[in-house]
């Protein structure tokens, strides 16, 4: 079974593209192929690459965000993906409002890192803590892959 996962944040320029890249690399390291994408609930950055400082922080850890481009989540995504992971509670609420019946499972990314005590991935666009966001994303990404049995 191919797992199809969409990562969602507000603008799709920091957290969700980082989550996509981290999970992609960790899955490849485990020899697993996944269908992954990322999107934002807002449309401000559609077509733009991830935020420069986020790309730099990710690159230092071996994650390449340079080919990714922001897009807005669509109703079609709920049928295309098995699992949609929101970076925070507001994103999750926005997704729940858009979700058709019987669509993808909706969860928080931090659901896969319960031992951290975090209930969201803080937005480094505002906090400026790119490494802290990546630390939490890496922890949750490993938890996600473990829970999926991959």
C-alpha atoms as a PDB file:
ATOM      1  CA  UNK A   1       0.000   0.000   0.000  1.00  0.00           C
ATOM      2  CA  UNK A   2       1.282   3.423  -0.930  1.00  0.00           C
ATOM      3  CA  UNK A   3       0.734   6.026   1.746  1.00  0.00           C
ATOM      4  CA  UNK A   4      -0.329   9.405   0.380  1.00  0.00           C
ATOM      5  CA  UNK A   5       0.306  12.223   2.847  1.00  0.00           C
ATOM      6  CA  UNK A   6      -0.250  15.971   2.590  1.00  0.00           C
ATOM      7  CA  UNK A   7       1.365  18.395   5.048  1.00  0.00           C
ATOM      8  CA  UNK A   8      -0.459  21.682   5.641  1.00  0.00           C
ATOM      9  CA  UNK A   9       0.479  24.967   7.298  1.00  0.00           C
ATOM     10  CA  UNK A  10      -0.633  28.549   6.796  1.00  0.00           C
ATOM     11  CA  UNK A  11       1.371  29.803   3.811  1.00  0.00           C
ATOM     12  CA  UNK A  12       3.229  26.666   2.657  1.00  0.00           C
ATOM     13  CA  UNK A  13       6.629  28.352   2.829  1.00  0.00           C
ATOM     14  CA  UNK A  14       8.111  27.093   6.132  1.00  0.00           C
ATOM     15  CA  UNK A  15       6.593  24.255   8.130  1.00  0.00           C
ATOM     16  CA  UNK A  16       4.697  22.146   5.596  1.00  0.00           C
ATOM     17  CA  UNK A  17       7.381  22.122   2.875  1.00  0.00           C
ATOM     18  CA  UNK A  18       9.927  21.262   5.566  1.00  0.00           C
ATOM     19  CA  UNK A  19       7.742  18.412   6.803  1.00  0.00           C
ATOM     20  CA  UNK A  20       7.374  17.144   3.237  1.00  0.00           C
ATOM     21  CA  UNK A  21      11.143  17.217   2.665  1.00  0.00           C
ATOM     22  CA  UNK A  22      12.000  15.680   6.052  1.00  0.00           C
ATOM     23  CA  UNK A  23       9.532  12.808   5.697  1.00  0.00           C
ATOM     24  CA  UNK A  24      10.668  12.224   2.097  1.00  0.00           C
ATOM     25  CA  UNK A  25      14.327  11.935   3.125  1.00  0.00           C
ATOM     26  CA  UNK A  26      13.659   9.821   6.213  1.00  0.00           C
ATOM     27  CA  UNK A  27      11.413   7.494   4.193  1.00  0.00           C
ATOM     28  CA  UNK A  28      14.081   7.177   1.492  1.00  0.00           C
ATOM     29  CA  UNK A  29      16.652   6.396   4.175  1.00  0.00           C
ATOM     30  CA  UNK A  30      14.319   3.589   5.322  1.00  0.00           C
ATOM     31  CA  UNK A  31      13.849   2.376   1.739  1.00  0.00           C
ATOM     32  CA  UNK A  32      10.186   3.390   1.629  1.00  0.00           C
ATOM     33  CA  UNK A  33       8.392   5.221  -1.187  1.00  0.00           C
ATOM     34  CA  UNK A  34       5.591   7.569  -0.213  1.00  0.00           C
ATOM     35  CA  UNK A  35       3.442  10.034  -2.157  1.00  0.00           C
ATOM     36  CA  UNK A  36       4.008  13.348  -0.401  1.00  0.00           C
ATOM     37  CA  UNK A  37       3.013  16.942  -0.969  1.00  0.00           C
ATOM     38  CA  UNK A  38       2.482  20.121   1.013  1.00  0.00           C
ATOM     39  CA  UNK A  39       0.056  23.019   0.843  1.00  0.00           C
ATOM     40  CA  UNK A  40      -1.115  26.072   2.740  1.00  0.00           C
ATOM     41  CA  UNK A  41      -4.537  27.109   3.921  1.00  0.00           C
ATOM     42  CA  UNK A  42      -3.820  30.626   2.645  1.00  0.00           C
ATOM     43  CA  UNK A  43      -3.026  31.757  -0.881  1.00  0.00           C
ATOM     44  CA  UNK A  44      -0.498  34.551  -0.226  1.00  0.00           C
ATOM     45  CA  UNK A  45       2.574  32.646  -1.390  1.00  0.00           C
ATOM     46  CA  UNK A  46       1.184  30.434  -4.193  1.00  0.00           C
ATOM     47  CA  UNK A  47       3.939  29.686  -6.709  1.00  0.00           C
ATOM     48  CA  UNK A  48       6.737  30.925  -4.449  1.00  0.00           C
ATOM     49  CA  UNK A  49       9.625  28.804  -3.156  1.00  0.00           C
ATOM     50  CA  UNK A  50       9.934  28.119   0.565  1.00  0.00           C
ATOM     51  CA  UNK A  51      11.158  30.996   2.725  1.00  0.00           C
ATOM     52  CA  UNK A  52      14.915  31.545   2.325  1.00  0.00           C
ATOM     53  CA  UNK A  53      15.941  31.178   5.984  1.00  0.00           C
ATOM     54  CA  UNK A  54      13.853  27.974   6.234  1.00  0.00           C
ATOM     55  CA  UNK A  55      15.583  26.579   3.142  1.00  0.00           C
ATOM     56  CA  UNK A  56      18.986  27.432   4.615  1.00  0.00           C
ATOM     57  CA  UNK A  57      18.251  25.780   7.967  1.00  0.00           C
ATOM     58  CA  UNK A  58      16.874  22.685   6.233  1.00  0.00           C
ATOM     59  CA  UNK A  59      19.832  22.475   3.828  1.00  0.00           C
ATOM     60  CA  UNK A  60      22.248  22.385   6.774  1.00  0.00           C
ATOM     61  CA  UNK A  61      20.510  19.148   7.801  1.00  0.00           C
ATOM     62  CA  UNK A  62      20.502  17.670   4.304  1.00  0.00           C
ATOM     63  CA  UNK A  63      16.933  18.548   3.293  1.00  0.00           C
ATOM     64  CA  UNK A  64      16.440  20.192  -0.101  1.00  0.00           C
ATOM     65  CA  UNK A  65      13.414  22.478  -0.309  1.00  0.00           C
ATOM     66  CA  UNK A  66      14.571  24.332  -3.425  1.00  0.00           C
ATOM     67  CA  UNK A  67      12.295  22.571  -5.925  1.00  0.00           C
ATOM     68  CA  UNK A  68       9.128  23.007  -3.850  1.00  0.00           C
ATOM     69  CA  UNK A  69       6.570  25.712  -4.641  1.00  0.00           C
ATOM     70  CA  UNK A  70       3.742  26.926  -2.440  1.00  0.00           C
ATOM     71  CA  UNK A  71       0.200  25.991  -3.303  1.00  0.00           C
ATOM     72  CA  UNK A  72      -3.141  26.300  -1.570  1.00  0.00           C
ATOM     73  CA  UNK A  73      -4.940  23.227  -0.279  1.00  0.00           C
ATOM     74  CA  UNK A  74      -8.003  22.291  -2.335  1.00  0.00           C
ATOM     75  CA  UNK A  75     -11.112  20.187  -1.768  1.00  0.00           C
ATOM     76  CA  UNK A  76      -9.675  17.667  -4.264  1.00  0.00           C
ATOM     77  CA  UNK A  77      -6.795  17.020  -1.837  1.00  0.00           C
ATOM     78  CA  UNK A  78      -9.189  15.295   0.559  1.00  0.00           C
ATOM     79  CA  UNK A  79      -9.749  12.555  -2.013  1.00  0.00           C
ATOM     80  CA  UNK A  80      -6.183  12.393  -3.280  1.00  0.00           C
ATOM     81  CA  UNK A  81      -4.487  11.854   0.093  1.00  0.00           C
ATOM     82  CA  UNK A  82      -5.004   9.244   2.817  1.00  0.00           C
ATOM     83  CA  UNK A  83      -3.692  11.453   5.592  1.00  0.00           C
ATOM     84  CA  UNK A  84      -3.520  15.235   5.891  1.00  0.00           C
ATOM     85  CA  UNK A  85      -1.303  16.546   8.676  1.00  0.00           C
ATOM     86  CA  UNK A  86      -1.793  20.082   9.937  1.00  0.00           C
ATOM     87  CA  UNK A  87       0.994  21.976  11.657  1.00  0.00           C
ATOM     88  CA  UNK A  88      -1.279  23.669  14.190  1.00  0.00           C
ATOM     89  CA  UNK A  89      -4.812  23.746  15.528  1.00  0.00           C
ATOM     90  CA  UNK A  90      -5.941  26.654  13.346  1.00  0.00           C
ATOM     91  CA  UNK A  91      -4.799  24.807  10.214  1.00  0.00           C
ATOM     92  CA  UNK A  92      -6.630  21.714  11.444  1.00  0.00           C
ATOM     93  CA  UNK A  93      -9.840  23.711  12.059  1.00  0.00           C
ATOM     94  CA  UNK A  94      -9.595  25.259   8.591  1.00  0.00           C
ATOM     95  CA  UNK A  95      -9.131  21.808   7.046  1.00  0.00           C
ATOM     96  CA  UNK A  96     -12.083  20.373   8.963  1.00  0.00           C
ATOM     97  CA  UNK A  97     -14.298  23.171   7.641  1.00  0.00           C
ATOM     98  CA  UNK A  98     -13.324  22.352   4.030  1.00  0.00           C
ATOM     99  CA  UNK A  99     -13.342  18.565   4.343  1.00  0.00           C
ATOM    100  CA  UNK A 100     -15.990  16.621   2.472  1.00  0.00           C
ATOM    101  CA  UNK A 101     -17.488  13.546   4.145  1.00  0.00           C
ATOM    102  CA  UNK A 102     -15.340  10.422   3.881  1.00  0.00           C
ATOM    103  CA  UNK A 103     -12.207  12.328   2.934  1.00  0.00           C
ATOM    104  CA  UNK A 104      -8.655  11.908   4.133  1.00  0.00           C
ATOM    105  CA  UNK A 105      -7.891  11.422   7.809  1.00  0.00           C
ATOM    106  CA  UNK A 106      -7.005  14.762   9.446  1.00  0.00           C
ATOM    107  CA  UNK A 107      -4.483  14.976  12.261  1.00  0.00           C
ATOM    108  CA  UNK A 108      -1.847  17.240  13.751  1.00  0.00           C
ATOM    109  CA  UNK A 109       1.789  16.613  12.872  1.00  0.00           C
ATOM    110  CA  UNK A 110       2.591  16.735  16.583  1.00  0.00           C
ATOM    111  CA  UNK A 111       0.263  13.765  17.192  1.00  0.00           C
ATOM    112  CA  UNK A 112       3.286  11.712  16.147  1.00  0.00           C
ATOM    113  CA  UNK A 113       5.551  13.255  18.780  1.00  0.00           C
ATOM    114  CA  UNK A 114       3.448  13.029  21.962  1.00  0.00           C
ATOM    115  CA  UNK A 115       6.480  12.717  24.233  1.00  0.00           C
ATOM    116  CA  UNK A 116       7.531  16.275  23.303  1.00  0.00           C
ATOM    117  CA  UNK A 117       4.423  17.789  24.886  1.00  0.00           C
ATOM    118  CA  UNK A 118       4.030  20.034  21.821  1.00  0.00           C
ATOM    119  CA  UNK A 119       0.511  20.579  20.521  1.00  0.00           C
ATOM    120  CA  UNK A 120       1.652  22.389  17.345  1.00  0.00           C
ATOM    121  CA  UNK A 121       4.724  23.152  15.267  1.00  0.00           C
ATOM    122  CA  UNK A 122       5.497  26.823  15.998  1.00  0.00           C
ATOM    123  CA  UNK A 123       5.705  28.929  12.837  1.00  0.00           C
ATOM    124  CA  UNK A 124       9.359  29.931  12.362  1.00  0.00           C
ATOM    125  CA  UNK A 125       8.328  32.705   9.980  1.00  0.00           C
ATOM    126  CA  UNK A 126       7.219  34.508  13.148  1.00  0.00           C
ATOM    127  CA  UNK A 127       9.297  32.869  15.890  1.00  0.00           C
ATOM    128  CA  UNK A 128      12.533  32.891  13.825  1.00  0.00           C
ATOM    129  CA  UNK A 129      13.364  29.520  15.418  1.00  0.00           C
ATOM    130  CA  UNK A 130      13.960  27.520  12.245  1.00  0.00           C
ATOM    131  CA  UNK A 131      16.070  24.898  13.990  1.00  0.00           C
ATOM    132  CA  UNK A 132      13.484  24.394  16.719  1.00  0.00           C
ATOM    133  CA  UNK A 133      10.779  23.856  14.114  1.00  0.00           C
ATOM    134  CA  UNK A 134      12.998  21.374  12.273  1.00  0.00           C
ATOM    135  CA  UNK A 135      13.789  19.519  15.513  1.00  0.00           C
ATOM    136  CA  UNK A 136      10.084  19.024  16.192  1.00  0.00           C
ATOM    137  CA  UNK A 137       9.318  18.135  12.560  1.00  0.00           C
ATOM    138  CA  UNK A 138      12.104  15.515  12.541  1.00  0.00           C
ATOM    139  CA  UNK A 139      10.830  13.975  15.771  1.00  0.00           C
ATOM    140  CA  UNK A 140       7.253  13.863  14.494  1.00  0.00           C
ATOM    141  CA  UNK A 141       8.370  12.559  11.090  1.00  0.00           C
ATOM    142  CA  UNK A 142      10.146   9.621  12.682  1.00  0.00           C
ATOM    143  CA  UNK A 143       7.095   8.984  14.870  1.00  0.00           C
ATOM    144  CA  UNK A 144       4.851   9.074  11.809  1.00  0.00           C
ATOM    145  CA  UNK A 145       6.979   6.562   9.903  1.00  0.00           C
ATOM    146  CA  UNK A 146       7.197   4.322  12.977  1.00  0.00           C
ATOM    147  CA  UNK A 147       3.424   4.423  13.513  1.00  0.00           C
ATOM    148  CA  UNK A 148       2.837   3.592   9.842  1.00  0.00           C
ATOM    149  CA  UNK A 149       5.136   0.597  10.318  1.00  0.00           C
ATOM    150  CA  UNK A 150       7.613   1.832   7.730  1.00  0.00           C
END
